[in-house]
Amino acid sequence: LGRQLGESQAGAADGFRTLNLRFPHDKPAAHGIFAVRVHGLTAEPLPGVASLGNRPTVEDAGRVLLEVHCLEWPLAAEGGYGKLARVELLHKLRDEARYDGLDALTAAIAADTAAARAFL
């Protein structure tokens, strides 16, 4: 459960808009990429794919962030900024990984999105 902080510039640039939620613990029980359901942005829950971890390719600052890409993006240009959202982790797709660049990361995100769609 958290408030939308802002959109990842890397995510927006590669076509994967994300909701970014600060995670309150520095050592969550789970890390990785997940098929998820997002509650609180619309009347019905939205399917999505999420990364819960330290963003080793993009930032690697050690802080934990939950980045969620809704598979059906219903929000206006301002996204979900300031909205209270609850993200339900349904299925772990894989562990978090470091990539050699944004092209490799973008390819992995596309594969994760397809895997989440198949699961959901």
N, C-alpha and C. Protein backbone atom coordinates (compact mmCIF):
# COMPACT_ATOMS: atom_id res chain seq x y z
N LEU A 1 0.86 -1.16 0.00
CA LEU A 1 0.00 0.00 0.00
C LEU A 1 0.90 1.22 0.00
N GLY A 2 0.69 2.12 -0.92
CA GLY A 2 1.51 3.31 -0.96
C GLY A 2 0.99 4.33 -1.93
N ARG A 3 1.57 5.53 -1.86
CA ARG A 3 1.21 6.60 -2.76
C ARG A 3 2.18 6.63 -3.92
N GLN A 4 1.63 6.90 -5.10
CA GLN A 4 2.42 7.03 -6.31
C GLN A 4 3.39 8.18 -6.15
N LEU A 5 4.70 7.91 -6.36
CA LEU A 5 5.73 8.94 -6.20
C LEU A 5 5.97 9.71 -7.48
N GLY A 6 5.89 9.05 -8.59
CA GLY A 6 6.21 9.67 -9.87
C GLY A 6 6.50 8.56 -10.86
N GLU A 7 6.68 8.95 -12.10
CA GLU A 7 6.91 7.96 -13.14
C GLU A 7 8.40 7.84 -13.40
N SER A 8 8.87 6.62 -13.58
CA SER A 8 10.26 6.38 -13.93
C SER A 8 10.54 6.96 -15.30
N GLN A 9 11.54 7.81 -15.40
CA GLN A 9 11.89 8.37 -16.69
C GLN A 9 12.38 7.29 -17.64
N ALA A 10 13.12 6.32 -17.12
CA ALA A 10 13.58 5.20 -17.95
C ALA A 10 12.39 4.41 -18.46
N GLY A 11 11.41 4.14 -17.57
CA GLY A 11 10.23 3.39 -17.96
C GLY A 11 9.39 4.11 -18.99
N ALA A 12 9.24 5.41 -18.82
CA ALA A 12 8.45 6.19 -19.77
C ALA A 12 9.13 6.23 -21.12
N ALA A 13 10.44 6.33 -21.13
CA ALA A 13 11.19 6.44 -22.38
C ALA A 13 11.12 5.15 -23.19
N ASP A 14 11.09 4.00 -22.51
CA ASP A 14 11.08 2.74 -23.26
C ASP A 14 9.68 2.20 -23.50
N GLY A 15 8.65 2.99 -23.19
CA GLY A 15 7.28 2.59 -23.48
C GLY A 15 6.58 1.84 -22.38
N PHE A 16 7.21 1.67 -21.24
CA PHE A 16 6.62 0.96 -20.11
C PHE A 16 6.39 1.95 -18.98
N ARG A 17 5.24 2.64 -19.00
CA ARG A 17 4.92 3.58 -17.92
C ARG A 17 4.79 2.82 -16.62
N THR A 18 5.31 3.40 -15.56
CA THR A 18 5.26 2.72 -14.27
C THR A 18 4.73 3.62 -13.17
N LEU A 19 4.09 2.99 -12.22
CA LEU A 19 3.77 3.62 -10.95
C LEU A 19 4.93 3.29 -10.03
N ASN A 20 5.48 4.27 -9.36
CA ASN A 20 6.62 4.04 -8.47
C ASN A 20 6.19 4.26 -7.04
N LEU A 21 6.30 3.22 -6.23
CA LEU A 21 5.86 3.27 -4.85
C LEU A 21 7.06 2.98 -3.94
N ARG A 22 7.30 3.89 -3.02
CA ARG A 22 8.38 3.67 -2.05
C ARG A 22 7.99 2.49 -1.18
N PHE A 23 8.93 1.60 -0.93
CA PHE A 23 8.67 0.43 -0.09
C PHE A 23 9.20 0.75 1.30
N PRO A 24 8.40 0.52 2.35
CA PRO A 24 8.79 0.98 3.68
C PRO A 24 9.90 0.18 4.37
N HIS A 25 10.29 -0.95 3.82
CA HIS A 25 11.31 -1.79 4.46
C HIS A 25 12.52 -1.91 3.55
N ASP A 26 13.72 -1.90 4.14
CA ASP A 26 14.91 -2.03 3.31
C ASP A 26 15.26 -3.48 3.00
N LYS A 27 14.58 -4.43 3.66
CA LYS A 27 14.80 -5.85 3.38
C LYS A 27 13.45 -6.56 3.28
N PRO A 28 12.75 -6.40 2.14
CA PRO A 28 11.44 -7.06 2.00
C PRO A 28 11.59 -8.58 1.97
N ALA A 29 10.53 -9.27 2.32
CA ALA A 29 10.54 -10.73 2.34
C ALA A 29 10.70 -11.31 0.94
N ALA A 30 10.31 -10.55 -0.07
CA ALA A 30 10.40 -11.01 -1.46
C ALA A 30 11.07 -9.93 -2.31
N HIS A 31 11.88 -10.34 -3.24
CA HIS A 31 12.49 -9.47 -4.25
C HIS A 31 12.21 -10.10 -5.59
N GLY A 32 12.09 -9.31 -6.63
CA GLY A 32 11.99 -9.89 -7.95
C GLY A 32 10.93 -9.23 -8.81
N ILE A 33 10.55 -9.95 -9.85
CA ILE A 33 9.57 -9.51 -10.82
C ILE A 33 8.32 -10.37 -10.64
N PHE A 34 7.16 -9.71 -10.58
CA PHE A 34 5.92 -10.40 -10.22
C PHE A 34 4.77 -10.04 -11.17
N ALA A 35 3.87 -10.98 -11.38
CA ALA A 35 2.56 -10.68 -11.95
C ALA A 35 1.75 -10.15 -10.77
N VAL A 36 1.03 -9.03 -10.99
CA VAL A 36 0.35 -8.37 -9.88
C VAL A 36 -1.06 -7.94 -10.26
N ARG A 37 -1.79 -7.54 -9.25
CA ARG A 37 -3.08 -6.90 -9.42
C ARG A 37 -3.01 -5.59 -8.63
N VAL A 38 -3.41 -4.48 -9.26
CA VAL A 38 -3.33 -3.16 -8.65
C VAL A 38 -4.72 -2.69 -8.26
N HIS A 39 -4.89 -2.34 -7.01
CA HIS A 39 -6.17 -1.89 -6.47
C HIS A 39 -6.08 -0.40 -6.14
N GLY A 40 -7.18 0.34 -6.37
CA GLY A 40 -7.27 1.71 -5.92
C GLY A 40 -7.13 2.77 -6.99
N LEU A 41 -6.73 2.39 -8.19
CA LEU A 41 -6.59 3.38 -9.26
C LEU A 41 -7.86 3.53 -10.07
N THR A 42 -8.62 2.44 -10.17
CA THR A 42 -9.90 2.43 -10.87
C THR A 42 -10.88 1.62 -10.02
N ALA A 43 -12.13 1.56 -10.46
CA ALA A 43 -13.15 0.83 -9.70
C ALA A 43 -12.82 -0.66 -9.60
N GLU A 44 -12.21 -1.21 -10.64
CA GLU A 44 -11.85 -2.63 -10.66
C GLU A 44 -10.32 -2.77 -10.59
N PRO A 45 -9.83 -3.88 -10.01
CA PRO A 45 -8.38 -4.10 -9.98
C PRO A 45 -7.81 -4.19 -11.40
N LEU A 46 -6.57 -3.76 -11.56
CA LEU A 46 -5.89 -3.78 -12.86
C LEU A 46 -4.79 -4.83 -12.86
N PRO A 47 -4.64 -5.58 -13.95
CA PRO A 47 -3.53 -6.52 -14.05
C PRO A 47 -2.23 -5.75 -14.32
N GLY A 48 -1.13 -6.31 -13.85
CA GLY A 48 0.14 -5.63 -14.07
C GLY A 48 1.32 -6.54 -13.87
N VAL A 49 2.49 -5.94 -14.05
CA VAL A 49 3.76 -6.60 -13.79
C VAL A 49 4.56 -5.62 -12.93
N ALA A 50 5.28 -6.14 -11.93
CA ALA A 50 5.97 -5.26 -11.00
C ALA A 50 7.37 -5.76 -10.69
N SER A 51 8.21 -4.80 -10.40
CA SER A 51 9.56 -5.08 -9.92
C SER A 51 9.65 -4.58 -8.49
N LEU A 52 10.02 -5.47 -7.58
CA LEU A 52 10.23 -5.11 -6.19
C LEU A 52 11.70 -5.35 -5.90
N GLY A 53 12.44 -4.26 -5.71
CA GLY A 53 13.86 -4.43 -5.45
C GLY A 53 14.63 -3.13 -5.52
N ASN A 54 15.92 -3.26 -5.84
CA ASN A 54 16.87 -2.16 -5.77
C ASN A 54 17.21 -1.51 -7.10
N ARG A 55 16.61 -1.95 -8.20
CA ARG A 55 16.86 -1.38 -9.53
C ARG A 55 18.35 -1.41 -9.89
N PRO A 56 18.99 -2.55 -9.89
CA PRO A 56 20.45 -2.60 -10.07
C PRO A 56 20.96 -2.08 -11.40
N THR A 57 20.18 -2.14 -12.46
CA THR A 57 20.64 -1.65 -13.76
C THR A 57 20.53 -0.13 -13.84
N VAL A 58 19.49 0.43 -13.27
CA VAL A 58 19.20 1.86 -13.43
C VAL A 58 19.86 2.72 -12.36
N GLU A 59 19.81 2.28 -11.10
CA GLU A 59 20.19 3.17 -10.01
C GLU A 59 21.20 2.55 -9.06
N ASP A 60 20.89 1.38 -8.53
CA ASP A 60 21.74 0.66 -7.58
C ASP A 60 22.12 1.49 -6.37
N ALA A 61 21.16 2.28 -5.85
CA ALA A 61 21.41 3.10 -4.67
C ALA A 61 21.10 2.34 -3.38
N GLY A 62 20.57 1.13 -3.51
CA GLY A 62 20.27 0.32 -2.34
C GLY A 62 18.87 0.51 -1.78
N ARG A 63 18.15 1.55 -2.21
CA ARG A 63 16.80 1.74 -1.68
C ARG A 63 15.82 0.83 -2.42
N VAL A 64 14.83 0.35 -1.71
CA VAL A 64 13.85 -0.57 -2.28
C VAL A 64 12.69 0.24 -2.87
N LEU A 65 12.31 -0.12 -4.09
CA LEU A 65 11.22 0.55 -4.78
C LEU A 65 10.33 -0.51 -5.41
N LEU A 66 9.03 -0.27 -5.39
CA LEU A 66 8.08 -1.12 -6.09
C LEU A 66 7.63 -0.36 -7.33
N GLU A 67 8.02 -0.85 -8.50
CA GLU A 67 7.65 -0.22 -9.78
C GLU A 67 6.62 -1.12 -10.45
N VAL A 68 5.48 -0.55 -10.79
CA VAL A 68 4.37 -1.33 -11.33
C VAL A 68 3.98 -0.79 -12.71
N HIS A 69 3.93 -1.69 -13.68
CA HIS A 69 3.43 -1.35 -15.02
C HIS A 69 2.06 -2.01 -15.16
N CYS A 70 1.01 -1.18 -15.28
CA CYS A 70 -0.34 -1.72 -15.48
C CYS A 70 -0.46 -2.18 -16.93
N LEU A 71 -0.92 -3.40 -17.13
CA LEU A 71 -1.04 -3.95 -18.48
C LEU A 71 -2.14 -3.24 -19.26
N GLU A 72 -3.10 -2.70 -18.56
CA GLU A 72 -4.17 -1.89 -19.16
C GLU A 72 -4.05 -0.52 -18.52
N TRP A 73 -3.39 0.44 -19.20
CA TRP A 73 -3.12 1.74 -18.59
C TRP A 73 -4.33 2.65 -18.77
N PRO A 74 -5.16 2.83 -17.72
CA PRO A 74 -6.40 3.59 -17.86
C PRO A 74 -6.27 5.06 -17.43
N LEU A 75 -5.08 5.44 -17.02
CA LEU A 75 -4.92 6.73 -16.38
C LEU A 75 -4.59 7.83 -17.38
N ALA A 76 -4.96 9.03 -17.04
CA ALA A 76 -4.65 10.20 -17.88
C ALA A 76 -3.15 10.46 -17.84
N ALA A 77 -2.72 11.45 -18.55
CA ALA A 77 -1.30 11.77 -18.67
C ALA A 77 -0.61 11.95 -17.32
N GLU A 78 -1.34 12.41 -16.31
CA GLU A 78 -0.71 12.63 -15.01
C GLU A 78 -0.48 11.32 -14.25
N GLY A 79 -0.95 10.21 -14.81
CA GLY A 79 -0.75 8.92 -14.15
C GLY A 79 -1.53 8.83 -12.85
N GLY A 80 -1.02 8.09 -11.93
CA GLY A 80 -1.68 7.92 -10.65
C GLY A 80 -1.06 8.76 -9.55
N TYR A 81 -0.39 9.85 -9.91
CA TYR A 81 0.33 10.65 -8.92
C TYR A 81 -0.54 11.01 -7.73
N GLY A 82 -0.04 10.69 -6.55
CA GLY A 82 -0.74 11.03 -5.32
C GLY A 82 -1.86 10.09 -4.94
N LYS A 83 -2.22 9.15 -5.81
CA LYS A 83 -3.29 8.21 -5.50
C LYS A 83 -2.75 7.11 -4.58
N LEU A 84 -3.65 6.62 -3.75
CA LEU A 84 -3.31 5.52 -2.85
C LEU A 84 -3.58 4.21 -3.59
N ALA A 85 -2.58 3.37 -3.71
CA ALA A 85 -2.71 2.11 -4.44
C ALA A 85 -2.24 0.95 -3.56
N ARG A 86 -2.87 -0.19 -3.77
CA ARG A 86 -2.45 -1.44 -3.12
C ARG A 86 -2.08 -2.40 -4.23
N VAL A 87 -0.90 -3.00 -4.11
CA VAL A 87 -0.41 -3.92 -5.12
C VAL A 87 -0.38 -5.32 -4.53
N GLU A 88 -1.09 -6.22 -5.18
CA GLU A 88 -1.19 -7.62 -4.75
C GLU A 88 -0.21 -8.45 -5.59
N LEU A 89 0.81 -9.02 -4.94
CA LEU A 89 1.77 -9.87 -5.64
C LEU A 89 1.13 -11.24 -5.82
N LEU A 90 0.94 -11.66 -7.07
CA LEU A 90 0.23 -12.91 -7.34
C LEU A 90 1.16 -14.07 -7.67
N HIS A 91 2.23 -13.78 -8.44
CA HIS A 91 3.09 -14.86 -8.91
C HIS A 91 4.48 -14.30 -9.22
N LYS A 92 5.51 -14.92 -8.66
CA LYS A 92 6.87 -14.48 -8.96
C LYS A 92 7.29 -15.03 -10.32
N LEU A 93 7.70 -14.11 -11.20
CA LEU A 93 8.13 -14.49 -12.54
C LEU A 93 9.62 -14.84 -12.58
N ARG A 94 10.42 -14.07 -11.84
CA ARG A 94 11.87 -14.31 -11.82
C ARG A 94 12.51 -13.43 -10.76
N ASP A 95 13.80 -13.66 -10.52
CA ASP A 95 14.58 -12.81 -9.62
C ASP A 95 14.98 -11.52 -10.32
N GLU A 96 15.27 -10.51 -9.55
CA GLU A 96 15.78 -9.24 -10.08
C GLU A 96 17.18 -9.51 -10.66
N ALA A 97 17.52 -8.80 -11.73
CA ALA A 97 18.82 -9.02 -12.38
C ALA A 97 19.42 -7.68 -12.81
N ARG A 98 20.72 -7.67 -13.00
CA ARG A 98 21.42 -6.50 -13.53
C ARG A 98 21.68 -6.76 -15.02
N TYR A 99 21.44 -5.74 -15.85
CA TYR A 99 21.63 -5.86 -17.29
C TYR A 99 22.74 -4.92 -17.74
N ASP A 100 23.33 -5.23 -18.89
CA ASP A 100 24.45 -4.45 -19.40
C ASP A 100 24.05 -3.10 -19.98
N GLY A 101 22.78 -2.85 -20.11
CA GLY A 101 22.33 -1.56 -20.64
C GLY A 101 20.83 -1.51 -20.71
N LEU A 102 20.32 -0.34 -21.11
CA LEU A 102 18.87 -0.15 -21.17
C LEU A 102 18.20 -0.98 -22.26
N ASP A 103 18.91 -1.27 -23.36
CA ASP A 103 18.31 -2.12 -24.40
C ASP A 103 18.04 -3.52 -23.87
N ALA A 104 18.99 -4.08 -23.13
CA ALA A 104 18.80 -5.41 -22.55
C ALA A 104 17.71 -5.38 -21.49
N LEU A 105 17.66 -4.32 -20.70
CA LEU A 105 16.62 -4.17 -19.69
C LEU A 105 15.25 -4.07 -20.35
N THR A 106 15.13 -3.29 -21.41
CA THR A 106 13.86 -3.13 -22.12
C THR A 106 13.38 -4.47 -22.68
N ALA A 107 14.30 -5.27 -23.22
CA ALA A 107 13.93 -6.59 -23.73
C ALA A 107 13.42 -7.49 -22.60
N ALA A 108 14.06 -7.42 -21.43
CA ALA A 108 13.62 -8.23 -20.29
C ALA A 108 12.24 -7.77 -19.81
N ILE A 109 12.00 -6.46 -19.79
CA ILE A 109 10.70 -5.94 -19.37
C ILE A 109 9.61 -6.41 -20.33
N ALA A 110 9.90 -6.41 -21.62
CA ALA A 110 8.92 -6.90 -22.61
C ALA A 110 8.60 -8.37 -22.37
N ALA A 111 9.63 -9.17 -22.09
CA ALA A 111 9.41 -10.59 -21.81
C ALA A 111 8.62 -10.77 -20.51
N ASP A 112 8.93 -9.97 -19.50
CA ASP A 112 8.19 -10.06 -18.22
C ASP A 112 6.74 -9.67 -18.41
N THR A 113 6.48 -8.66 -19.22
CA THR A 113 5.11 -8.23 -19.51
C THR A 113 4.34 -9.35 -20.19
N ALA A 114 4.95 -10.01 -21.14
CA ALA A 114 4.30 -11.14 -21.83
C ALA A 114 4.04 -12.28 -20.85
N ALA A 115 4.99 -12.56 -19.96
CA ALA A 115 4.80 -13.64 -18.98
C ALA A 115 3.68 -13.30 -18.01
N ALA A 116 3.61 -12.03 -17.59
CA ALA A 116 2.53 -11.61 -16.68
C ALA A 116 1.18 -11.73 -17.36
N ARG A 117 1.10 -11.30 -18.64
CA ARG A 117 -0.16 -11.44 -19.39
C ARG A 117 -0.59 -12.90 -19.47
N ALA A 118 0.36 -13.79 -19.73
CA ALA A 118 0.05 -15.21 -19.82
C ALA A 118 -0.46 -15.76 -18.48
N PHE A 119 0.13 -15.29 -17.38
CA PHE A 119 -0.29 -15.78 -16.06
C PHE A 119 -1.67 -15.23 -15.69
N LEU A 120 -1.88 -13.94 -15.99
CA LEU A 120 -3.12 -13.30 -15.56
C LEU A 120 -4.25 -13.64 -16.51
